[in-house]
Amino acid sequence: MSRYGRARGKPTIEGRRAVLEALRAGREVERILMYANAQLGPQLREIVFLADQAGIQVEAITRQNLDRTAATKKHQGVVAVVPDRRYAQLEDIILSADHRSEKTLIVILDGIQDPHNLGAIARTVDAAGAHGMVIPQRKAVGITPGAIRASAGALEHVQVAQVSNIAKTIRYLKTMNVRTVGLDADASADYTSADYTTPVALVAGSEERGMSQTVRSACDSLISIPLLGQVHSLNASVAAAIVLYEAARQRRTLNLPSAPLAQTCLTSAPIP
């Protein structure tokens, strides 16, 4: 087996935007694999330039070897081979808000299975100025090449903590004066009625089941997003984006630092 085939057992970042954002963020990269004789457009040129600046080897390989190395089918002709992903500690996420003199805003995901949903939520977390994400260690997707690509590289800038139990994590956040708000389709309170100007954690459940009863009970309050059409549910990443930007709007109105978004619990499955 070629060393490119063996690389499949190592973590990778795949796709032009994702690799570019990893380099911009200073992510540790072992090497970059690229199609031989690839036409260097603006993104690939910047990737080669940043890799050269960082002393990272760029290897030109055949399409067959690159396909064998990649974990996804959408690598766009470039793959970065990286060390194991280092997850953040929950305390690091909270401290990052303190260091920026901002009110904490965390998104907690309970049981998200689809890497595209995880990536899309991370992209909004970054865009809306939230401080990080919390995901469970089991029965949920982690930071995979597919999630990184779906995030358009945002996962290279967003701190993500893995925890063993979501409900316990919510209770721990309460001791740190972080209020938790759960998004539940059956909640009577409209999402715009919640106050996101204080330290807040937003909890979103799984695509299929939503939040578990244990997680739902742990939240300080529950909110819902009105659905006025014929469809009776929203994708988890869409729901999270709606609430995150309501939090950003409220903070801008009060002239609060806008980077962090209050944590709001989007009710769904329980967080392990």
Protein backbone atom coordinates (compact mmCIF):
# COMPACT_ATOMS: atom_id res chain seq x y z
CA MET A 1 0.00 0.00 0.00
CA SER A 2 1.28 3.46 -0.85
CA ARG A 3 1.89 6.02 1.86
CA TYR A 4 -1.02 7.97 0.40
CA GLY A 5 -3.34 5.06 1.09
CA ARG A 6 -2.00 4.79 4.63
CA ALA A 7 -2.72 8.49 5.13
CA ARG A 8 -6.43 7.68 5.11
CA GLY A 9 -6.04 6.59 8.72
CA LYS A 10 -4.88 10.10 9.63
CA PRO A 11 -7.10 13.17 10.08
CA THR A 12 -7.45 15.30 6.98
CA ILE A 13 -8.83 18.70 6.02
CA GLU A 14 -10.32 18.61 2.53
CA GLY A 15 -11.43 21.23 0.04
CA ARG A 16 -9.84 24.50 -1.03
CA ARG A 17 -11.66 26.83 1.38
CA ALA A 18 -11.23 24.50 4.37
CA VAL A 19 -7.49 24.00 3.75
CA LEU A 20 -6.99 27.72 3.17
CA GLU A 21 -8.74 28.64 6.43
CA ALA A 22 -6.68 26.06 8.31
CA LEU A 23 -3.47 27.66 7.06
CA ARG A 24 -4.73 31.16 7.83
CA ALA A 25 -5.60 30.03 11.36
CA GLY A 26 -2.10 28.62 11.91
CA ARG A 27 -3.37 25.05 12.21
CA GLU A 28 -0.58 22.48 12.49
CA VAL A 29 -0.34 20.71 9.12
CA GLU A 30 1.98 17.81 8.37
CA ARG A 31 1.80 18.11 4.58
CA ILE A 32 -0.50 19.16 1.75
CA LEU A 33 -1.41 16.86 -1.12
CA MET A 34 -2.50 18.37 -4.42
CA TYR A 35 -3.26 17.19 -7.94
CA ALA A 36 -0.16 17.08 -10.11
CA ASN A 37 -0.35 19.75 -12.84
CA ALA A 38 -3.36 21.37 -11.18
CA GLN A 39 -4.31 24.79 -12.49
CA LEU A 40 -3.53 27.22 -9.70
CA GLY A 41 -6.43 29.59 -9.24
CA PRO A 42 -6.43 32.28 -6.50
CA GLN A 43 -7.23 29.87 -3.64
CA LEU A 44 -4.68 27.23 -4.61
CA ARG A 45 -2.02 29.91 -5.15
CA GLU A 46 -2.63 31.25 -1.66
CA ILE A 47 -2.53 27.73 -0.23
CA VAL A 48 0.87 27.11 -1.85
CA PHE A 49 2.13 30.52 -0.69
CA LEU A 50 1.00 30.07 2.94
CA ALA A 51 2.36 26.51 3.03
CA ASP A 52 5.73 27.75 1.78
CA GLN A 53 5.74 30.51 4.40
CA ALA A 54 5.03 27.95 7.13
CA GLY A 55 7.56 25.43 5.84
CA ILE A 56 4.87 22.87 4.98
CA GLN A 57 5.65 20.51 2.12
CA VAL A 58 3.22 20.51 -0.82
CA GLU A 59 3.25 17.17 -2.65
CA ALA A 60 1.91 16.80 -6.18
CA ILE A 61 0.26 13.38 -6.60
CA THR A 62 -2.03 11.66 -9.06
CA ARG A 63 -5.81 11.99 -8.95
CA GLN A 64 -6.06 8.29 -8.04
CA ASN A 65 -3.76 8.64 -5.03
CA LEU A 66 -5.51 11.81 -3.86
CA ASP A 67 -8.91 10.11 -4.10
CA ARG A 68 -7.52 7.19 -2.09
CA THR A 69 -6.19 9.52 0.60
CA ALA A 70 -9.31 11.66 0.95
CA ALA A 71 -12.13 10.75 3.33
CA THR A 72 -14.71 12.62 1.24
CA LYS A 73 -15.48 12.81 -2.46
CA LYS A 74 -15.36 16.61 -2.46
CA HIS A 75 -11.72 17.41 -1.82
CA GLN A 76 -11.49 19.77 -4.85
CA GLY A 77 -8.00 18.57 -5.62
CA VAL A 78 -6.36 19.48 -2.29
CA VAL A 79 -6.02 17.66 1.03
CA ALA A 80 -4.13 18.69 4.17
CA VAL A 81 -2.89 15.86 6.38
CA VAL A 82 -3.00 17.00 10.02
CA PRO A 83 -2.32 15.65 13.51
CA ASP A 84 -5.27 14.51 15.62
CA ARG A 85 -7.80 17.26 16.28
CA ARG A 86 -7.27 18.93 19.64
CA TYR A 87 -10.57 19.76 21.33
CA ALA A 88 -10.82 22.74 23.66
CA GLN A 89 -11.81 22.66 27.30
CA LEU A 90 -15.16 24.21 28.22
CA GLU A 91 -13.35 26.59 30.55
CA ASP A 92 -11.17 27.76 27.65
CA ILE A 93 -14.27 28.79 25.71
CA ILE A 94 -15.62 30.79 28.64
CA LEU A 95 -12.24 32.40 29.26
CA SER A 96 -12.03 33.48 25.63
CA ALA A 97 -15.17 35.55 26.19
CA ASP A 98 -13.73 37.04 29.38
CA HIS A 99 -10.49 37.96 27.62
CA ARG A 100 -12.49 39.87 25.03
CA SER A 101 -14.62 41.52 27.74
CA GLU A 102 -17.71 39.95 26.21
CA LYS A 103 -20.76 38.14 27.54
CA THR A 104 -20.38 34.42 26.99
CA LEU A 105 -22.29 32.85 24.11
CA ILE A 106 -22.01 29.10 23.61
CA VAL A 107 -23.92 26.70 21.38
CA ILE A 108 -24.50 23.22 22.82
CA LEU A 109 -25.39 20.46 20.36
CA ASP A 110 -27.10 17.35 21.61
CA GLY A 111 -26.83 14.35 19.36
CA ILE A 112 -26.23 15.98 15.97
CA GLN A 113 -25.43 13.11 13.59
CA ASP A 114 -24.94 14.85 10.24
CA PRO A 115 -21.47 16.35 9.68
CA HIS A 116 -23.01 18.89 7.29
CA ASN A 117 -25.29 20.18 10.06
CA LEU A 118 -22.35 20.40 12.47
CA GLY A 119 -20.29 22.27 9.90
CA ALA A 120 -23.12 24.65 9.00
CA ILE A 121 -23.74 25.48 12.67
CA ALA A 122 -20.02 26.11 13.23
CA ARG A 123 -20.02 28.49 10.27
CA THR A 124 -22.86 30.51 11.83
CA VAL A 125 -21.23 30.40 15.28
CA ASP A 126 -18.15 32.02 13.78
CA ALA A 127 -20.11 34.51 11.68
CA ALA A 128 -22.36 35.58 14.56
CA GLY A 129 -19.46 36.04 16.98
CA ALA A 130 -20.28 33.26 19.45
CA HIS A 131 -17.43 31.92 21.53
CA GLY A 132 -17.60 28.21 20.86
CA MET A 133 -19.52 24.97 20.71
CA VAL A 134 -20.04 21.98 22.99
CA ILE A 135 -20.70 18.50 21.59
CA PRO A 136 -21.07 15.08 23.24
CA GLN A 137 -18.33 12.50 23.07
CA ARG A 138 -20.71 9.67 22.14
CA LYS A 139 -23.64 9.13 19.80
CA ALA A 140 -22.93 12.29 17.83
CA VAL A 141 -20.72 13.43 14.98
CA GLY A 142 -17.35 14.93 15.82
CA ILE A 143 -15.03 17.17 13.85
CA THR A 144 -14.68 15.12 10.67
CA PRO A 145 -13.30 16.11 7.27
CA GLY A 146 -16.90 16.40 6.05
CA ALA A 147 -17.84 18.71 8.92
CA ILE A 148 -14.78 20.89 8.34
CA ARG A 149 -15.57 21.18 4.66
CA ALA A 150 -19.23 21.98 5.34
CA SER A 151 -18.14 24.73 7.71
CA ALA A 152 -16.13 26.37 4.88
CA GLY A 153 -13.14 26.25 7.22
CA ALA A 154 -14.96 27.90 10.15
CA LEU A 155 -14.15 24.92 12.38
CA GLU A 156 -10.52 26.03 12.23
CA HIS A 157 -11.54 29.23 14.05
CA VAL A 158 -14.28 27.95 16.39
CA GLN A 159 -13.38 26.34 19.70
CA VAL A 160 -15.18 23.02 20.23
CA ALA A 161 -15.34 21.16 23.54
CA GLN A 162 -16.36 17.51 23.87
CA VAL A 163 -18.13 16.51 27.08
CA SER A 164 -19.35 13.19 28.46
CA ASN A 165 -22.75 14.42 29.62
CA ILE A 166 -24.68 17.41 28.24
CA ALA A 167 -27.16 17.71 31.10
CA LYS A 168 -24.33 17.81 33.65
CA THR A 169 -22.54 20.38 31.53
CA ILE A 170 -25.65 22.59 31.55
CA ARG A 171 -25.83 22.36 35.34
CA TYR A 172 -22.13 23.20 35.56
CA LEU A 173 -22.63 26.28 33.37
CA LYS A 174 -25.32 27.49 35.77
CA THR A 175 -22.74 27.58 38.56
CA MET A 176 -20.77 29.94 36.32
CA ASN A 177 -23.81 32.20 35.87
CA VAL A 178 -24.41 31.09 32.30
CA ARG A 179 -28.15 30.87 31.64
CA THR A 180 -29.34 28.08 29.36
CA VAL A 181 -32.22 28.41 26.90
CA GLY A 182 -33.60 25.41 25.05
CA LEU A 183 -35.11 25.56 21.59
CA ASP A 184 -38.16 23.28 21.65
CA ALA A 185 -40.79 23.12 18.92
CA ASP A 186 -43.52 22.71 21.59
CA ALA A 187 -42.41 25.63 23.77
CA SER A 188 -44.96 28.43 24.19
CA ALA A 189 -42.39 31.26 24.39
CA ASP A 190 -41.34 32.87 21.12
CA TYR A 191 -37.57 32.93 20.52
CA THR A 192 -37.63 36.73 20.25
CA SER A 193 -38.98 37.02 23.81
CA ALA A 194 -35.83 35.55 25.37
CA ASP A 195 -33.07 37.82 26.73
CA TYR A 196 -29.73 37.06 25.07
CA THR A 197 -27.83 40.03 26.49
CA THR A 198 -26.55 38.05 29.48
CA PRO A 199 -24.17 35.06 29.41
CA VAL A 200 -26.22 32.41 27.60
CA ALA A 201 -25.91 28.87 26.27
CA LEU A 202 -27.96 27.75 23.28
CA VAL A 203 -28.81 24.05 23.19
CA ALA A 204 -29.94 22.34 19.98
CA GLY A 205 -31.02 18.72 19.78
CA SER A 206 -30.61 16.00 17.20
CA GLU A 207 -32.12 16.06 13.74
CA GLU A 208 -34.47 13.18 14.50
CA ARG A 209 -35.44 13.40 18.16
CA GLY A 210 -34.56 16.88 19.29
CA MET A 211 -33.50 17.33 22.89
CA SER A 212 -33.91 14.55 25.41
CA GLN A 213 -36.17 15.05 28.39
CA THR A 214 -33.13 15.17 30.67
CA VAL A 215 -31.57 18.03 28.73
CA ARG A 216 -34.89 19.80 28.29
CA SER A 217 -35.47 19.74 32.06
CA ALA A 218 -31.97 21.08 32.71
CA CYS A 219 -32.52 24.23 30.64
CA ASP A 220 -33.55 27.43 32.41
CA SER A 221 -36.15 28.21 29.76
CA LEU A 222 -37.51 26.90 26.48
CA ILE A 223 -38.28 28.80 23.29
CA SER A 224 -39.70 27.98 19.87
CA ILE A 225 -39.53 29.45 16.38
CA PRO A 226 -42.97 30.10 14.81
CA LEU A 227 -43.61 28.11 11.63
CA LEU A 228 -46.11 29.87 9.39
CA GLY A 229 -46.05 27.61 6.35
CA GLN A 230 -46.88 23.98 5.62
CA VAL A 231 -43.57 22.53 6.85
CA HIS A 232 -43.63 21.68 10.54
CA SER A 233 -39.92 21.63 11.36
CA LEU A 234 -36.66 23.41 10.66
CA ASN A 235 -33.22 21.97 10.01
CA ALA A 236 -31.09 22.16 13.18
CA SER A 237 -28.53 24.44 11.54
CA VAL A 238 -31.25 26.82 10.30
CA ALA A 239 -32.89 27.01 13.73
CA ALA A 240 -29.56 27.69 15.40
CA ALA A 241 -28.76 30.45 12.90
CA ILE A 242 -32.10 32.20 13.48
CA VAL A 243 -31.61 32.32 17.26
CA LEU A 244 -27.92 33.26 17.07
CA TYR A 245 -28.70 36.28 14.95
CA GLU A 246 -31.54 37.33 17.22
CA ALA A 247 -28.99 37.29 20.04
CA ALA A 248 -26.60 39.36 17.92
CA ARG A 249 -29.39 41.85 17.14
CA GLN A 250 -30.27 42.30 20.82
CA ARG A 251 -26.63 42.84 21.75
CA ARG A 252 -26.10 45.39 19.01
CA THR A 253 -29.21 47.26 20.14
CA LEU A 254 -27.72 47.61 23.62
CA ASN A 255 -24.26 48.38 22.18
CA LEU A 256 -22.85 45.30 23.84
CA PRO A 257 -19.75 43.61 22.43
CA SER A 258 -21.18 41.60 19.56
CA ALA A 259 -18.65 38.84 19.19
CA PRO A 260 -20.11 36.45 21.77
CA LEU A 261 -23.68 35.25 21.55
CA ALA A 262 -25.53 34.29 24.71
CA GLN A 263 -25.87 30.57 25.08
CA THR A 264 -29.38 29.45 24.26
CA CYS A 265 -30.52 25.87 24.62
CA LEU A 266 -32.15 24.52 21.49
CA THR A 267 -34.12 21.70 22.96
CA SER A 268 -33.53 18.30 21.48
CA ALA A 269 -31.86 15.13 22.60
CA PRO A 270 -30.04 14.97 25.94
CA ILE A 271 -26.41 15.84 25.96
CA PRO A 272 -24.27 12.92 27.13
